[in-house]
């Protein structure tokens, strides 16, 4: 699934086929694919696959602690934003993320034109 997403980024942004995806190529690709249902479906499927990795205890949901642990696992040092990010994803406010809440929330965030919510923390260089 990740390979399919990689190809979609490259093709839509006119990558030079060297396999590199620079930030500018990804941004251009997202701008072009924002309303493409095929791109959305591909990304939702990737999130659904990743969900199983995040659901450490296998209960079919991601807890706030599991979400925080995943972010710390990708070396995000300051996870103070996690509560707010988790609440933004938890649309039914039941204290856990279903696979649909997680996948749709991630896609909506990725394709948003304004970033009022931080799902992966503050963007720093």
N, C-alpha and C. Protein backbone atom coordinates (compact mmCIF):
# COMPACT_ATOMS: atom_id res chain seq x y z
N UNK A 1 0.82 -1.19 0.00
CA UNK A 1 0.00 0.00 0.00
C UNK A 1 0.87 1.26 0.00
N UNK A 2 1.95 1.24 0.76
CA UNK A 2 2.84 2.39 0.81
C UNK A 2 3.45 2.67 -0.55
N UNK A 3 3.76 1.63 -1.30
CA UNK A 3 4.32 1.81 -2.65
C UNK A 3 3.31 2.50 -3.56
N UNK A 4 2.03 2.13 -3.46
CA UNK A 4 1.00 2.77 -4.27
C UNK A 4 0.90 4.26 -3.95
N UNK A 5 0.96 4.58 -2.67
CA UNK A 5 0.90 5.98 -2.26
C UNK A 5 2.12 6.74 -2.77
N UNK A 6 3.27 6.14 -2.66
CA UNK A 6 4.52 6.74 -3.15
C UNK A 6 4.40 7.08 -4.64
N UNK A 7 3.88 6.13 -5.41
CA UNK A 7 3.73 6.35 -6.85
C UNK A 7 2.75 7.50 -7.14
N UNK A 8 1.67 7.57 -6.38
CA UNK A 8 0.70 8.64 -6.59
C UNK A 8 1.33 10.00 -6.32
N UNK A 9 2.12 10.10 -5.25
CA UNK A 9 2.82 11.36 -4.97
C UNK A 9 3.72 11.73 -6.15
N UNK A 10 4.52 10.78 -6.58
CA UNK A 10 5.49 11.06 -7.64
C UNK A 10 4.82 11.45 -8.95
N UNK A 11 3.85 10.67 -9.37
CA UNK A 11 3.21 10.91 -10.66
C UNK A 11 2.47 12.24 -10.72
N UNK A 12 1.74 12.55 -9.67
CA UNK A 12 0.94 13.77 -9.71
C UNK A 12 1.78 15.03 -9.63
N UNK A 13 2.94 14.92 -9.00
CA UNK A 13 3.79 16.11 -8.84
C UNK A 13 4.89 16.18 -9.88
N UNK A 14 4.95 15.21 -10.79
CA UNK A 14 5.96 15.24 -11.83
C UNK A 14 7.36 15.02 -11.30
N UNK A 15 7.52 14.07 -10.39
CA UNK A 15 8.84 13.76 -9.86
C UNK A 15 9.76 13.32 -11.00
N UNK A 16 11.04 13.47 -10.79
CA UNK A 16 11.99 13.14 -11.84
C UNK A 16 12.34 11.65 -11.87
N UNK A 17 11.53 10.83 -11.21
CA UNK A 17 11.67 9.38 -11.20
C UNK A 17 12.94 8.87 -10.54
N UNK A 18 13.61 9.71 -9.77
CA UNK A 18 14.77 9.21 -9.04
C UNK A 18 14.36 8.61 -7.70
N UNK A 19 13.08 8.59 -7.43
CA UNK A 19 12.57 7.99 -6.21
C UNK A 19 12.55 8.92 -5.02
N UNK A 20 13.06 10.12 -5.16
CA UNK A 20 13.09 11.06 -4.04
C UNK A 20 11.80 11.87 -3.98
N UNK A 21 11.28 11.98 -2.78
CA UNK A 21 10.12 12.83 -2.56
C UNK A 21 10.54 13.96 -1.63
N UNK A 22 10.73 15.10 -2.18
CA UNK A 22 11.09 16.26 -1.38
C UNK A 22 9.81 16.86 -0.79
N UNK A 23 9.93 17.69 0.23
CA UNK A 23 8.72 18.34 0.77
C UNK A 23 7.94 19.09 -0.31
N UNK A 24 8.63 19.76 -1.22
CA UNK A 24 7.91 20.51 -2.25
C UNK A 24 7.15 19.58 -3.21
N UNK A 25 7.70 18.41 -3.49
CA UNK A 25 7.01 17.45 -4.36
C UNK A 25 5.76 16.92 -3.65
N UNK A 26 5.87 16.62 -2.36
CA UNK A 26 4.71 16.11 -1.62
C UNK A 26 3.62 17.17 -1.54
N UNK A 27 3.98 18.40 -1.25
CA UNK A 27 2.99 19.49 -1.17
C UNK A 27 2.29 19.68 -2.51
N UNK A 28 3.07 19.70 -3.60
CA UNK A 28 2.48 19.86 -4.93
C UNK A 28 1.55 18.70 -5.25
N UNK A 29 1.96 17.51 -4.88
CA UNK A 29 1.15 16.33 -5.14
C UNK A 29 -0.17 16.38 -4.37
N UNK A 30 -0.10 16.75 -3.10
CA UNK A 30 -1.32 16.84 -2.29
C UNK A 30 -2.26 17.91 -2.84
N UNK A 31 -1.71 19.02 -3.28
CA UNK A 31 -2.55 20.07 -3.87
C UNK A 31 -3.29 19.54 -5.09
N UNK A 32 -2.62 18.73 -5.90
CA UNK A 32 -3.23 18.21 -7.11
C UNK A 32 -4.23 17.08 -6.83
N UNK A 33 -4.00 16.34 -5.76
CA UNK A 33 -4.83 15.16 -5.49
C UNK A 33 -5.89 15.38 -4.41
N UNK A 34 -5.97 16.58 -3.91
CA UNK A 34 -6.86 16.89 -2.78
C UNK A 34 -8.29 16.39 -3.00
N UNK A 35 -8.79 16.46 -4.21
CA UNK A 35 -10.18 16.06 -4.50
C UNK A 35 -10.28 14.75 -5.28
N UNK A 36 -9.19 13.99 -5.32
CA UNK A 36 -9.17 12.73 -6.06
C UNK A 36 -9.61 11.58 -5.15
N UNK A 37 -10.77 10.98 -5.41
CA UNK A 37 -11.27 9.91 -4.54
C UNK A 37 -10.33 8.69 -4.50
N UNK A 38 -9.61 8.43 -5.59
CA UNK A 38 -8.69 7.30 -5.61
C UNK A 38 -7.52 7.53 -4.65
N UNK A 39 -7.01 8.75 -4.61
CA UNK A 39 -5.93 9.07 -3.68
C UNK A 39 -6.43 8.91 -2.24
N UNK A 40 -7.61 9.45 -1.97
CA UNK A 40 -8.19 9.34 -0.62
C UNK A 40 -8.33 7.88 -0.21
N UNK A 41 -8.85 7.07 -1.10
CA UNK A 41 -9.04 5.65 -0.80
C UNK A 41 -7.69 4.96 -0.51
N UNK A 42 -6.68 5.28 -1.30
CA UNK A 42 -5.36 4.70 -1.09
C UNK A 42 -4.81 5.08 0.28
N UNK A 43 -4.96 6.35 0.65
CA UNK A 43 -4.44 6.80 1.94
C UNK A 43 -5.25 6.23 3.10
N UNK A 44 -6.56 6.13 2.95
CA UNK A 44 -7.39 5.52 3.99
C UNK A 44 -6.96 4.07 4.21
N UNK A 45 -6.71 3.35 3.14
CA UNK A 45 -6.27 1.96 3.25
C UNK A 45 -4.92 1.85 3.95
N UNK A 46 -4.02 2.77 3.67
CA UNK A 46 -2.73 2.78 4.36
C UNK A 46 -2.94 3.01 5.86
N UNK A 47 -3.80 3.95 6.21
CA UNK A 47 -4.09 4.22 7.62
C UNK A 47 -4.71 3.02 8.30
N UNK A 48 -5.57 2.33 7.58
CA UNK A 48 -6.21 1.14 8.14
C UNK A 48 -5.15 0.06 8.42
N UNK A 49 -4.19 -0.09 7.51
CA UNK A 49 -3.11 -1.05 7.74
C UNK A 49 -2.27 -0.65 8.95
N UNK A 50 -1.97 0.61 9.06
CA UNK A 50 -1.15 1.12 10.15
C UNK A 50 -1.88 1.03 11.50
N UNK A 51 -3.19 1.11 11.46
CA UNK A 51 -4.01 1.03 12.68
C UNK A 51 -3.68 -0.22 13.49
N UNK A 52 -3.52 -1.34 12.81
CA UNK A 52 -3.23 -2.59 13.49
C UNK A 52 -1.91 -2.57 14.26
N UNK A 53 -0.97 -1.78 13.79
CA UNK A 53 0.31 -1.64 14.48
C UNK A 53 0.13 -0.79 15.73
N UNK A 54 -0.69 0.26 15.64
CA UNK A 54 -0.91 1.16 16.77
C UNK A 54 -1.75 0.52 17.87
N UNK A 55 -2.65 -0.35 17.50
CA UNK A 55 -3.53 -1.02 18.46
C UNK A 55 -2.75 -2.13 19.16
N UNK A 56 -1.89 -1.73 20.08
CA UNK A 56 -0.95 -2.65 20.73
C UNK A 56 -1.66 -3.76 21.48
N UNK A 57 -2.74 -3.45 22.18
CA UNK A 57 -3.41 -4.48 22.98
C UNK A 57 -4.43 -5.29 22.17
N UNK A 58 -4.63 -4.94 20.90
CA UNK A 58 -5.48 -5.72 20.02
C UNK A 58 -6.97 -5.67 20.32
N UNK A 59 -7.43 -4.60 20.97
CA UNK A 59 -8.85 -4.52 21.32
C UNK A 59 -9.71 -3.89 20.22
N UNK A 60 -9.08 -3.52 19.10
CA UNK A 60 -9.84 -2.93 18.00
C UNK A 60 -9.96 -1.42 18.08
N UNK A 61 -9.29 -0.82 19.05
CA UNK A 61 -9.32 0.63 19.23
C UNK A 61 -7.91 1.12 19.58
N UNK A 62 -7.69 2.40 19.36
CA UNK A 62 -6.44 3.02 19.79
C UNK A 62 -6.78 3.91 20.98
N UNK A 63 -6.09 3.67 22.08
CA UNK A 63 -6.27 4.51 23.26
C UNK A 63 -5.36 5.73 23.14
N UNK A 64 -5.60 6.69 23.99
CA UNK A 64 -4.74 7.88 24.00
C UNK A 64 -3.29 7.49 24.31
N UNK A 65 -3.12 6.54 25.20
CA UNK A 65 -1.76 6.09 25.56
C UNK A 65 -1.09 5.40 24.38
N UNK A 66 -1.84 4.59 23.62
CA UNK A 66 -1.27 3.93 22.44
C UNK A 66 -0.88 4.96 21.39
N UNK A 67 -1.71 5.99 21.23
CA UNK A 67 -1.41 7.05 20.27
C UNK A 67 -0.14 7.80 20.69
N UNK A 68 -0.06 8.12 21.98
CA UNK A 68 1.12 8.82 22.50
C UNK A 68 2.38 7.96 22.32
N UNK A 69 2.27 6.69 22.63
CA UNK A 69 3.41 5.77 22.49
C UNK A 69 3.88 5.69 21.04
N UNK A 70 2.94 5.68 20.10
CA UNK A 70 3.31 5.62 18.68
C UNK A 70 4.08 6.87 18.26
N UNK A 71 3.63 8.03 18.72
CA UNK A 71 4.32 9.27 18.38
C UNK A 71 5.70 9.33 19.01
N UNK A 72 5.81 8.88 20.25
CA UNK A 72 7.12 8.83 20.90
C UNK A 72 8.02 7.83 20.17
N UNK A 73 7.42 6.78 19.62
CA UNK A 73 8.16 5.77 18.89
C UNK A 73 8.77 6.26 17.59
N UNK A 74 8.20 7.34 17.04
CA UNK A 74 8.80 7.92 15.83
C UNK A 74 9.61 9.16 16.20
N UNK A 75 10.05 9.18 17.46
CA UNK A 75 10.99 10.17 17.98
C UNK A 75 10.45 11.59 18.10
N UNK A 76 9.14 11.72 18.30
CA UNK A 76 8.59 13.02 18.63
C UNK A 76 8.80 13.20 20.12
N UNK A 77 9.65 14.14 20.48
CA UNK A 77 10.07 14.29 21.87
C UNK A 77 9.01 14.95 22.75
N UNK A 78 8.37 15.97 22.25
CA UNK A 78 7.37 16.69 23.03
C UNK A 78 5.99 16.21 22.62
N UNK A 79 5.38 15.37 23.44
CA UNK A 79 4.06 14.82 23.12
C UNK A 79 2.96 15.51 23.92
N UNK A 80 3.22 16.74 24.35
CA UNK A 80 2.24 17.47 25.15
C UNK A 80 0.96 17.80 24.37
N UNK A 81 1.00 17.72 23.07
CA UNK A 81 -0.15 18.02 22.21
C UNK A 81 -1.09 16.83 22.07
N UNK A 82 -0.70 15.66 22.56
CA UNK A 82 -1.42 14.42 22.28
C UNK A 82 -2.88 14.48 22.71
N UNK A 83 -3.16 14.98 23.89
CA UNK A 83 -4.56 15.02 24.36
C UNK A 83 -5.44 15.76 23.36
N UNK A 84 -5.02 16.94 22.93
CA UNK A 84 -5.81 17.72 21.98
C UNK A 84 -5.92 17.01 20.64
N UNK A 85 -4.82 16.44 20.16
CA UNK A 85 -4.84 15.72 18.89
C UNK A 85 -5.80 14.53 18.98
N UNK A 86 -5.71 13.79 20.07
CA UNK A 86 -6.55 12.62 20.26
C UNK A 86 -8.03 13.03 20.30
N UNK A 87 -8.33 14.09 21.01
CA UNK A 87 -9.72 14.57 21.08
C UNK A 87 -10.23 15.00 19.71
N UNK A 88 -9.36 15.56 18.88
CA UNK A 88 -9.77 15.95 17.52
C UNK A 88 -10.10 14.74 16.66
N UNK A 89 -9.40 13.65 16.87
CA UNK A 89 -9.66 12.42 16.12
C UNK A 89 -10.87 11.66 16.66
N UNK A 90 -11.09 11.74 17.96
CA UNK A 90 -12.16 10.99 18.62
C UNK A 90 -13.51 11.71 18.44
N UNK A 91 -14.08 11.59 17.25
CA UNK A 91 -15.26 12.37 16.90
C UNK A 91 -16.49 12.03 17.74
N UNK A 92 -16.59 10.81 18.25
CA UNK A 92 -17.75 10.47 19.08
C UNK A 92 -17.45 10.60 20.57
N UNK A 93 -16.28 11.10 20.91
CA UNK A 93 -15.87 11.41 22.29
C UNK A 93 -16.04 10.24 23.26
N UNK A 94 -15.71 9.03 22.80
CA UNK A 94 -15.83 7.87 23.69
C UNK A 94 -14.49 7.48 24.33
N UNK A 95 -13.45 8.28 24.10
CA UNK A 95 -12.16 8.03 24.74
C UNK A 95 -11.30 6.99 24.04
N UNK A 96 -11.69 6.59 22.83
CA UNK A 96 -10.91 5.63 22.06
C UNK A 96 -11.15 5.90 20.58
N UNK A 97 -10.18 5.51 19.77
CA UNK A 97 -10.30 5.72 18.32
C UNK A 97 -10.64 4.42 17.63
N UNK A 98 -11.72 4.44 16.88
CA UNK A 98 -12.05 3.31 16.02
C UNK A 98 -11.18 3.41 14.77
N UNK A 99 -11.17 2.36 14.01
CA UNK A 99 -10.39 2.36 12.78
C UNK A 99 -10.90 3.45 11.83
N UNK A 100 -12.21 3.66 11.79
CA UNK A 100 -12.77 4.70 10.91
C UNK A 100 -12.40 6.10 11.40
N UNK A 101 -12.48 6.34 12.71
CA UNK A 101 -12.11 7.65 13.24
C UNK A 101 -10.65 7.95 12.93
N UNK A 102 -9.79 6.97 13.14
CA UNK A 102 -8.36 7.17 12.90
C UNK A 102 -8.08 7.42 11.41
N UNK A 103 -8.55 6.53 10.55
CA UNK A 103 -8.24 6.63 9.12
C UNK A 103 -8.83 7.90 8.52
N UNK A 104 -10.09 8.17 8.78
CA UNK A 104 -10.72 9.37 8.22
C UNK A 104 -10.11 10.64 8.78
N UNK A 105 -9.79 10.64 10.07
CA UNK A 105 -9.16 11.82 10.67
C UNK A 105 -7.80 12.11 10.07
N UNK A 106 -7.01 11.07 9.85
CA UNK A 106 -5.68 11.26 9.26
C UNK A 106 -5.79 11.79 7.82
N UNK A 107 -6.70 11.23 7.06
CA UNK A 107 -6.87 11.69 5.68
C UNK A 107 -7.40 13.11 5.64
N UNK A 108 -8.37 13.41 6.47
CA UNK A 108 -8.91 14.77 6.51
C UNK A 108 -7.82 15.77 6.88
N UNK A 109 -6.98 15.39 7.83
CA UNK A 109 -5.86 16.27 8.22
C UNK A 109 -4.89 16.47 7.06
N UNK A 110 -4.52 15.37 6.42
CA UNK A 110 -3.56 15.43 5.32
C UNK A 110 -4.06 16.30 4.18
N UNK A 111 -5.34 16.24 3.90
CA UNK A 111 -5.89 16.95 2.75
C UNK A 111 -6.51 18.30 3.10
N UNK A 112 -6.41 18.70 4.35
CA UNK A 112 -6.99 19.97 4.78
C UNK A 112 -6.25 21.15 4.15
N UNK A 113 -6.98 22.20 3.92
CA UNK A 113 -6.35 23.41 3.41
C UNK A 113 -5.90 24.33 4.54
N UNK A 114 -6.42 24.09 5.74
CA UNK A 114 -5.96 24.82 6.92
C UNK A 114 -5.65 23.79 8.00
N UNK A 115 -4.62 24.05 8.75
CA UNK A 115 -4.16 23.09 9.75
C UNK A 115 -4.41 23.64 11.14
N UNK A 116 -5.67 23.59 11.56
CA UNK A 116 -6.00 24.10 12.88
C UNK A 116 -5.74 23.05 13.96
N UNK A 117 -5.57 21.80 13.57
CA UNK A 117 -5.31 20.72 14.52
C UNK A 117 -3.94 20.12 14.24
N UNK A 118 -3.24 19.76 15.27
CA UNK A 118 -1.94 19.11 15.12
C UNK A 118 -2.07 17.65 15.51
N UNK A 119 -2.01 16.77 14.54
CA UNK A 119 -2.12 15.34 14.84
C UNK A 119 -0.77 14.69 15.06
N UNK A 120 0.30 15.34 14.57
CA UNK A 120 1.64 14.79 14.72
C UNK A 120 2.56 15.75 15.46
N UNK A 121 2.01 16.76 16.05
CA UNK A 121 2.81 17.70 16.82
C UNK A 121 3.16 18.94 16.04
N UNK A 122 3.79 19.87 16.72
CA UNK A 122 4.19 21.13 16.06
C UNK A 122 5.17 20.85 14.92
N UNK A 123 5.01 21.56 13.85
CA UNK A 123 5.92 21.41 12.72
C UNK A 123 7.15 22.27 12.97
N UNK A 124 8.28 21.60 13.05
CA UNK A 124 9.54 22.30 13.31
C UNK A 124 10.58 21.85 12.30
N UNK A 125 11.50 22.75 12.03
CA UNK A 125 12.56 22.41 11.06
C UNK A 125 13.78 21.90 11.79
